[in-house]
Amino acid sequence: MQQRLALHRPWPLDRASFIVSAGNADALALIDESATWPAGRLALIGPEGSGKSHLAAIWAAKTGARIVPINALETVTPGAPLALEDADQAHADQRLFAVIEAASPDAPLLLTGRSPPRDWIVTLPDLRSRLNAIMVAAVSSPSDEVLAALLHRFFRERHIVPPDSVIAYLLRRIERSAEAALEAVERIDEAAAQDRRNITRDLVRKVLGEDLGETGSEG
């Protein structure tokens, strides 16, 4: 069982903070070349925590696009650069169709979702045909190498060099996202400072156990 820890500060969604890996390099390349998107449209898909929002933020910073969650679709004025997050959860076919139709190389549209557009549940035939034709870029959950690099970075920012056993323990227990890695490091650092203890696997077990309902010790 995994559970999110309390978030104390957001993970910065800028280009410098993005860790490129085999699971996101192709998507990043497409984000950097939005002028090549057919009809100015791209769907960015992947599981929760895979970095879709980070990539959308990088693209928005570069293009001046507005980032809008799907539940604010009614606030969108078609015809301007736009990143529409969680577009696979849309329940307004006509409105989404209008936004897609208004996209162009001069007013590109980035749609994010967990599944390919061809699998999105829609009833409007014209919308279905547009979704089926959209170029798709996929990202995957962070690999162990990426997640370990994130953990080391967050510890290093706090001038901490954790034992390898701590990183290995965290890799098996936290959600696979930058946000979860940051949350875990913050909680561990706070616990170590409060108890005036070194950061060890036993301390990490205690901190995570409080949230995961774990008791006892690991052999």
C-alpha atoms as a PDB file:
ATOM      1  CA  MET A   1       0.000   0.000   0.000  1.00  0.00           C
ATOM      2  CA  GLN A   2       1.265   3.463  -0.879  1.00  0.00           C
ATOM      3  CA  GLN A   3       0.050   6.821   0.316  1.00  0.00           C
ATOM      4  CA  ARG A   4       1.088  10.366  -0.393  1.00  0.00           C
ATOM      5  CA  LEU A   5       2.898  12.269   2.290  1.00  0.00           C
ATOM      6  CA  ALA A   6       1.979  15.875   3.051  1.00  0.00           C
ATOM      7  CA  LEU A   7       3.379  18.212   0.414  1.00  0.00           C
ATOM      8  CA  HIS A   8       5.354  21.091   1.920  1.00  0.00           C
ATOM      9  CA  ARG A   9       6.651  22.810  -1.206  1.00  0.00           C
ATOM     10  CA  PRO A  10       5.951  22.204  -4.872  1.00  0.00           C
ATOM     11  CA  TRP A  11       8.386  20.507  -7.194  1.00  0.00           C
ATOM     12  CA  PRO A  12       9.556  23.237  -9.624  1.00  0.00           C
ATOM     13  CA  LEU A  13       8.146  22.644 -13.091  1.00  0.00           C
ATOM     14  CA  ASP A  14      10.922  24.280 -15.106  1.00  0.00           C
ATOM     15  CA  ARG A  15      13.277  22.907 -17.746  1.00  0.00           C
ATOM     16  CA  ALA A  16      16.290  22.821 -15.418  1.00  0.00           C
ATOM     17  CA  SER A  17      14.429  20.537 -12.992  1.00  0.00           C
ATOM     18  CA  PHE A  18      13.343  18.027 -15.628  1.00  0.00           C
ATOM     19  CA  ILE A  19      15.329  14.782 -15.663  1.00  0.00           C
ATOM     20  CA  VAL A  20      15.495  13.305 -19.157  1.00  0.00           C
ATOM     21  CA  SER A  21      15.256   9.527 -19.438  1.00  0.00           C
ATOM     22  CA  ALA A  22      14.428   6.842 -21.970  1.00  0.00           C
ATOM     23  CA  GLY A  23      10.810   7.035 -20.825  1.00  0.00           C
ATOM     24  CA  ASN A  24      10.341  10.725 -21.645  1.00  0.00           C
ATOM     25  CA  ALA A  25      13.042  11.774 -24.146  1.00  0.00           C
ATOM     26  CA  ASP A  26      10.866  11.304 -27.234  1.00  0.00           C
ATOM     27  CA  ALA A  27       8.015  13.280 -25.669  1.00  0.00           C
ATOM     28  CA  LEU A  28      10.382  16.083 -24.675  1.00  0.00           C
ATOM     29  CA  ALA A  29      11.683  16.272 -28.244  1.00  0.00           C
ATOM     30  CA  LEU A  30       8.125  16.692 -29.546  1.00  0.00           C
ATOM     31  CA  ILE A  31       7.355  19.301 -26.886  1.00  0.00           C
ATOM     32  CA  ASP A  32      10.359  21.263 -28.133  1.00  0.00           C
ATOM     33  CA  GLU A  33       9.112  21.146 -31.731  1.00  0.00           C
ATOM     34  CA  SER A  34       5.443  22.149 -31.511  1.00  0.00           C
ATOM     35  CA  ALA A  35       5.720  23.871 -34.895  1.00  0.00           C
ATOM     36  CA  THR A  36       5.861  20.370 -36.427  1.00  0.00           C
ATOM     37  CA  TRP A  37       2.659  19.053 -34.798  1.00  0.00           C
ATOM     38  CA  PRO A  38       0.087  18.099 -37.437  1.00  0.00           C
ATOM     39  CA  ALA A  39      -2.635  20.783 -37.388  1.00  0.00           C
ATOM     40  CA  GLY A  40      -0.941  22.190 -34.282  1.00  0.00           C
ATOM     41  CA  ARG A  41      -2.203  19.376 -32.036  1.00  0.00           C
ATOM     42  CA  LEU A  42      -0.454  16.910 -29.723  1.00  0.00           C
ATOM     43  CA  ALA A  43      -1.732  14.511 -27.063  1.00  0.00           C
ATOM     44  CA  LEU A  44       0.704  13.806 -24.213  1.00  0.00           C
ATOM     45  CA  ILE A  45      -0.235  10.605 -22.410  1.00  0.00           C
ATOM     46  CA  GLY A  46       1.107   8.636 -19.463  1.00  0.00           C
ATOM     47  CA  PRO A  47       0.311   7.420 -15.945  1.00  0.00           C
ATOM     48  CA  GLU A  48      -0.069   9.720 -12.960  1.00  0.00           C
ATOM     49  CA  GLY A  49       3.302  10.988 -11.750  1.00  0.00           C
ATOM     50  CA  SER A  50       5.026  10.433 -15.084  1.00  0.00           C
ATOM     51  CA  GLY A  51       5.786  14.120 -15.658  1.00  0.00           C
ATOM     52  CA  LYS A  52       3.000  15.223 -18.009  1.00  0.00           C
ATOM     53  CA  SER A  53       2.332  18.418 -16.046  1.00  0.00           C
ATOM     54  CA  HIS A  54       6.048  19.166 -15.955  1.00  0.00           C
ATOM     55  CA  LEU A  55       6.324  18.812 -19.725  1.00  0.00           C
ATOM     56  CA  ALA A  56       3.190  20.923 -20.201  1.00  0.00           C
ATOM     57  CA  ALA A  57       4.718  23.641 -18.019  1.00  0.00           C
ATOM     58  CA  ILE A  58       7.971  23.563 -20.006  1.00  0.00           C
ATOM     59  CA  TRP A  59       6.010  23.897 -23.239  1.00  0.00           C
ATOM     60  CA  ALA A  60       3.804  26.684 -21.861  1.00  0.00           C
ATOM     61  CA  ALA A  61       6.843  28.659 -20.707  1.00  0.00           C
ATOM     62  CA  LYS A  62       8.334  28.378 -24.185  1.00  0.00           C
ATOM     63  CA  THR A  63       5.189  29.208 -26.163  1.00  0.00           C
ATOM     64  CA  GLY A  64       3.254  31.472 -23.802  1.00  0.00           C
ATOM     65  CA  ALA A  65       0.415  28.958 -23.722  1.00  0.00           C
ATOM     66  CA  ARG A  66      -2.216  28.982 -21.011  1.00  0.00           C
ATOM     67  CA  ILE A  67      -2.474  25.816 -18.890  1.00  0.00           C
ATOM     68  CA  VAL A  68      -6.084  24.914 -18.084  1.00  0.00           C
ATOM     69  CA  PRO A  69      -7.478  21.901 -16.181  1.00  0.00           C
ATOM     70  CA  ILE A  70     -10.302  20.090 -17.902  1.00  0.00           C
ATOM     71  CA  ASN A  71     -12.805  21.199 -15.260  1.00  0.00           C
ATOM     72  CA  ALA A  72     -12.216  24.789 -16.419  1.00  0.00           C
ATOM     73  CA  LEU A  73     -12.817  24.021 -20.092  1.00  0.00           C
ATOM     74  CA  GLU A  74     -15.642  26.556 -20.241  1.00  0.00           C
ATOM     75  CA  THR A  75     -13.162  29.377 -19.530  1.00  0.00           C
ATOM     76  CA  VAL A  76     -11.126  28.642 -22.649  1.00  0.00           C
ATOM     77  CA  THR A  77     -11.224  31.010 -25.595  1.00  0.00           C
ATOM     78  CA  PRO A  78     -10.357  28.914 -28.671  1.00  0.00           C
ATOM     79  CA  GLY A  79      -7.641  30.109 -31.003  1.00  0.00           C
ATOM     80  CA  ALA A  80      -4.732  30.756 -28.630  1.00  0.00           C
ATOM     81  CA  PRO A  81      -1.881  28.464 -27.511  1.00  0.00           C
ATOM     82  CA  LEU A  82      -3.332  26.118 -24.892  1.00  0.00           C
ATOM     83  CA  ALA A  83      -2.386  23.155 -22.705  1.00  0.00           C
ATOM     84  CA  LEU A  84      -5.517  21.326 -21.574  1.00  0.00           C
ATOM     85  CA  GLU A  85      -4.750  18.956 -18.705  1.00  0.00           C
ATOM     86  CA  ASP A  86      -6.660  15.716 -18.043  1.00  0.00           C
ATOM     87  CA  ALA A  87      -8.454  16.114 -21.358  1.00  0.00           C
ATOM     88  CA  ASP A  88      -9.404  12.431 -21.230  1.00  0.00           C
ATOM     89  CA  GLN A  89     -11.835  13.361 -18.437  1.00  0.00           C
ATOM     90  CA  ALA A  90     -13.804  15.834 -20.567  1.00  0.00           C
ATOM     91  CA  HIS A  91     -17.606  15.639 -20.397  1.00  0.00           C
ATOM     92  CA  ALA A  92     -18.361  18.412 -22.892  1.00  0.00           C
ATOM     93  CA  ASP A  93     -17.877  16.978 -26.362  1.00  0.00           C
ATOM     94  CA  GLN A  94     -18.978  20.069 -28.264  1.00  0.00           C
ATOM     95  CA  ARG A  95     -16.728  22.387 -26.257  1.00  0.00           C
ATOM     96  CA  LEU A  96     -13.695  20.114 -26.594  1.00  0.00           C
ATOM     97  CA  PHE A  97     -14.389  19.758 -30.311  1.00  0.00           C
ATOM     98  CA  ALA A  98     -14.430  23.557 -30.692  1.00  0.00           C
ATOM     99  CA  VAL A  99     -11.086  23.854 -28.897  1.00  0.00           C
ATOM    100  CA  ILE A 100      -9.496  21.156 -31.061  1.00  0.00           C
ATOM    101  CA  GLU A 101     -10.913  22.656 -34.259  1.00  0.00           C
ATOM    102  CA  ALA A 102      -9.469  26.073 -33.373  1.00  0.00           C
ATOM    103  CA  ALA A 103      -5.938  24.685 -32.972  1.00  0.00           C
ATOM    104  CA  SER A 104      -3.367  25.532 -35.618  1.00  0.00           C
ATOM    105  CA  PRO A 105       0.427  25.856 -35.930  1.00  0.00           C
ATOM    106  CA  ASP A 106       0.012  29.477 -34.812  1.00  0.00           C
ATOM    107  CA  ALA A 107      -2.263  28.500 -31.895  1.00  0.00           C
ATOM    108  CA  PRO A 108      -1.062  25.010 -30.900  1.00  0.00           C
ATOM    109  CA  LEU A 109      -2.983  22.735 -28.552  1.00  0.00           C
ATOM    110  CA  LEU A 110      -1.465  20.261 -26.072  1.00  0.00           C
ATOM    111  CA  LEU A 111      -3.862  17.732 -24.533  1.00  0.00           C
ATOM    112  CA  THR A 112      -2.743  15.599 -21.577  1.00  0.00           C
ATOM    113  CA  GLY A 113      -4.336  12.386 -20.376  1.00  0.00           C
ATOM    114  CA  ARG A 114      -3.630   8.933 -19.023  1.00  0.00           C
ATOM    115  CA  SER A 115      -4.794   6.984 -22.071  1.00  0.00           C
ATOM    116  CA  PRO A 116      -4.512   7.465 -25.860  1.00  0.00           C
ATOM    117  CA  PRO A 117      -7.159   9.753 -27.384  1.00  0.00           C
ATOM    118  CA  ARG A 118      -8.590   6.837 -29.368  1.00  0.00           C
ATOM    119  CA  ASP A 119      -9.696   5.347 -26.022  1.00  0.00           C
ATOM    120  CA  TRP A 120     -11.384   8.490 -24.682  1.00  0.00           C
ATOM    121  CA  ILE A 121     -15.125   8.177 -24.184  1.00  0.00           C
ATOM    122  CA  VAL A 122     -16.894  10.629 -26.487  1.00  0.00           C
ATOM    123  CA  THR A 123     -20.218  10.583 -28.322  1.00  0.00           C
ATOM    124  CA  LEU A 124     -19.740  13.284 -30.956  1.00  0.00           C
ATOM    125  CA  PRO A 125     -18.615  11.611 -34.229  1.00  0.00           C
ATOM    126  CA  ASP A 126     -16.627  14.633 -35.414  1.00  0.00           C
ATOM    127  CA  LEU A 127     -14.782  14.763 -32.092  1.00  0.00           C
ATOM    128  CA  ARG A 128     -14.008  11.062 -32.353  1.00  0.00           C
ATOM    129  CA  SER A 129     -12.449  11.540 -35.778  1.00  0.00           C
ATOM    130  CA  ARG A 130     -10.329  14.468 -34.558  1.00  0.00           C
ATOM    131  CA  LEU A 131      -9.085  12.558 -31.513  1.00  0.00           C
ATOM    132  CA  ASN A 132      -8.211   9.532 -33.613  1.00  0.00           C
ATOM    133  CA  ALA A 133      -6.050  11.727 -35.850  1.00  0.00           C
ATOM    134  CA  ILE A 134      -4.065  13.549 -33.133  1.00  0.00           C
ATOM    135  CA  MET A 135      -0.347  12.866 -32.844  1.00  0.00           C
ATOM    136  CA  VAL A 136       0.478  11.103 -29.573  1.00  0.00           C
ATOM    137  CA  ALA A 137       3.555  11.400 -27.348  1.00  0.00           C
ATOM    138  CA  ALA A 138       3.827   8.914 -24.487  1.00  0.00           C
ATOM    139  CA  VAL A 139       5.735   9.099 -21.209  1.00  0.00           C
ATOM    140  CA  SER A 140       6.226   6.322 -18.688  1.00  0.00           C
ATOM    141  CA  SER A 141       6.560   6.247 -14.909  1.00  0.00           C
ATOM    142  CA  PRO A 142      10.036   7.194 -13.649  1.00  0.00           C
ATOM    143  CA  SER A 143      12.506   4.319 -13.735  1.00  0.00           C
ATOM    144  CA  ASP A 144      14.531   3.350 -10.661  1.00  0.00           C
ATOM    145  CA  GLU A 145      17.459   5.309 -12.104  1.00  0.00           C
ATOM    146  CA  VAL A 146      15.407   8.497 -12.530  1.00  0.00           C
ATOM    147  CA  LEU A 147      13.717   8.182  -9.156  1.00  0.00           C
ATOM    148  CA  ALA A 148      17.070   7.543  -7.452  1.00  0.00           C
ATOM    149  CA  ALA A 149      18.535  10.604  -9.189  1.00  0.00           C
ATOM    150  CA  LEU A 150      15.628  12.698  -7.928  1.00  0.00           C
ATOM    151  CA  LEU A 151      16.065  11.441  -4.363  1.00  0.00           C
ATOM    152  CA  HIS A 152      19.801  12.146  -4.428  1.00  0.00           C
ATOM    153  CA  ARG A 153      19.118  15.653  -5.792  1.00  0.00           C
ATOM    154  CA  PHE A 154      16.584  16.470  -3.087  1.00  0.00           C
ATOM    155  CA  PHE A 155      18.861  15.180  -0.331  1.00  0.00           C
ATOM    156  CA  ARG A 156      21.820  17.048  -1.823  1.00  0.00           C
ATOM    157  CA  GLU A 157      19.840  20.308  -1.778  1.00  0.00           C
ATOM    158  CA  ARG A 158      19.627  19.803   1.986  1.00  0.00           C
ATOM    159  CA  HIS A 159      23.355  18.991   2.237  1.00  0.00           C
ATOM    160  CA  ILE A 160      22.608  15.352   3.034  1.00  0.00           C
ATOM    161  CA  VAL A 161      24.405  12.317   1.616  1.00  0.00           C
ATOM    162  CA  PRO A 162      22.175   9.347   2.500  1.00  0.00           C
ATOM    163  CA  PRO A 163      23.405   5.758   2.661  1.00  0.00           C
ATOM    164  CA  ASP A 164      22.649   3.650  -0.403  1.00  0.00           C
ATOM    165  CA  SER A 165      20.369   1.515   1.779  1.00  0.00           C
ATOM    166  CA  VAL A 166      18.098   4.527   2.351  1.00  0.00           C
ATOM    167  CA  ILE A 167      17.717   5.180  -1.375  1.00  0.00           C
ATOM    168  CA  ALA A 168      17.034   1.503  -2.053  1.00  0.00           C
ATOM    169  CA  TYR A 169      14.432   1.410   0.730  1.00  0.00           C
ATOM    170  CA  LEU A 170      12.666   4.502  -0.610  1.00  0.00           C
ATOM    171  CA  LEU A 171      12.600   3.176  -4.170  1.00  0.00           C
ATOM    172  CA  ARG A 172      10.520   0.216  -2.991  1.00  0.00           C
ATOM    173  CA  ARG A 173       8.028   2.266  -0.979  1.00  0.00           C
ATOM    174  CA  ILE A 174       7.220   5.685  -2.418  1.00  0.00           C
ATOM    175  CA  GLU A 175       5.012   6.534  -5.356  1.00  0.00           C
ATOM    176  CA  ARG A 176       6.933   6.824  -8.587  1.00  0.00           C
ATOM    177  CA  SER A 177       6.875  10.580  -9.086  1.00  0.00           C
ATOM    178  CA  ALA A 178       9.041  13.629  -8.413  1.00  0.00           C
ATOM    179  CA  GLU A 179       6.397  14.976  -6.051  1.00  0.00           C
ATOM    180  CA  ALA A 180       6.414  11.832  -3.909  1.00  0.00           C
ATOM    181  CA  ALA A 181      10.224  11.784  -3.804  1.00  0.00           C
ATOM    182  CA  LEU A 182      10.321  15.414  -2.674  1.00  0.00           C
ATOM    183  CA  GLU A 183       7.649  14.847  -0.035  1.00  0.00           C
ATOM    184  CA  ALA A 184       9.504  11.841   1.372  1.00  0.00           C
ATOM    185  CA  VAL A 185      12.850  13.660   1.584  1.00  0.00           C
ATOM    186  CA  GLU A 186      11.258  16.627   3.354  1.00  0.00           C
ATOM    187  CA  ARG A 187       9.567  14.420   5.941  1.00  0.00           C
ATOM    188  CA  ILE A 188      12.739  12.418   6.543  1.00  0.00           C
ATOM    189  CA  ASP A 189      14.864  15.558   6.940  1.00  0.00           C
ATOM    190  CA  GLU A 190      12.361  17.063   9.375  1.00  0.00           C
ATOM    191  CA  ALA A 191      12.251  13.872  11.448  1.00  0.00           C
ATOM    192  CA  ALA A 192      16.045  13.653  11.568  1.00  0.00           C
ATOM    193  CA  ALA A 193      16.330  17.285  12.690  1.00  0.00           C
ATOM    194  CA  GLN A 194      13.614  16.905  15.317  1.00  0.00           C
ATOM    195  CA  ASP A 195      15.081  13.729  16.803  1.00  0.00           C
ATOM    196  CA  ARG A 196      18.678  14.842  16.211  1.00  0.00           C
ATOM    197  CA  ARG A 197      19.378  11.581  14.436  1.00  0.00           C
ATOM    198  CA  ASN A 198      21.342  10.592  11.383  1.00  0.00           C
ATOM    199  CA  ILE A 199      19.309   9.545   8.370  1.00  0.00           C
ATOM    200  CA  THR A 200      19.248   5.776   8.423  1.00  0.00           C
ATOM    201  CA  ARG A 201      16.948   3.100   7.049  1.00  0.00           C
ATOM    202  CA  ASP A 202      15.437   2.692  10.519  1.00  0.00           C
ATOM    203  CA  LEU A 203      14.548   6.385  10.601  1.00  0.00           C
ATOM    204  CA  VAL A 204      13.072   6.214   7.097  1.00  0.00           C
ATOM    205  CA  ARG A 205      11.079   3.137   8.075  1.00  0.00           C
ATOM    206  CA  LYS A 206       9.671   5.044  11.029  1.00  0.00           C
ATOM    207  CA  VAL A 207       8.737   8.097   8.951  1.00  0.00           C
ATOM    208  CA  LEU A 208       7.104   6.138   6.136  1.00  0.00           C
ATOM    209  CA  GLY A 209       5.531   3.681   8.547  1.00  0.00           C
ATOM    210  CA  GLU A 210       3.590   6.461  10.202  1.00  0.00           C
ATOM    211  CA  ASP A 211       1.852   7.129   6.874  1.00  0.00           C
ATOM    212  CA  LEU A 212       1.655   3.582   5.551  1.00  0.00           C
ATOM    213  CA  GLY A 213       0.459   1.961   8.737  1.00  0.00           C
ATOM    214  CA  GLU A 214       3.560  -0.218   9.061  1.00  0.00           C
ATOM    215  CA  THR A 215       4.766  -1.458  12.428  1.00  0.00           C
ATOM    216  CA  GLY A 216       7.719  -3.413  13.615  1.00  0.00           C
ATOM    217  CA  SER A 217      11.125  -3.596  11.968  1.00  0.00           C
ATOM    218  CA  GLU A 218      12.478  -5.081   8.818  1.00  0.00           C
ATOM    219  CA  GLY A 219      14.949  -7.883   9.031  1.00  0.00           C
END
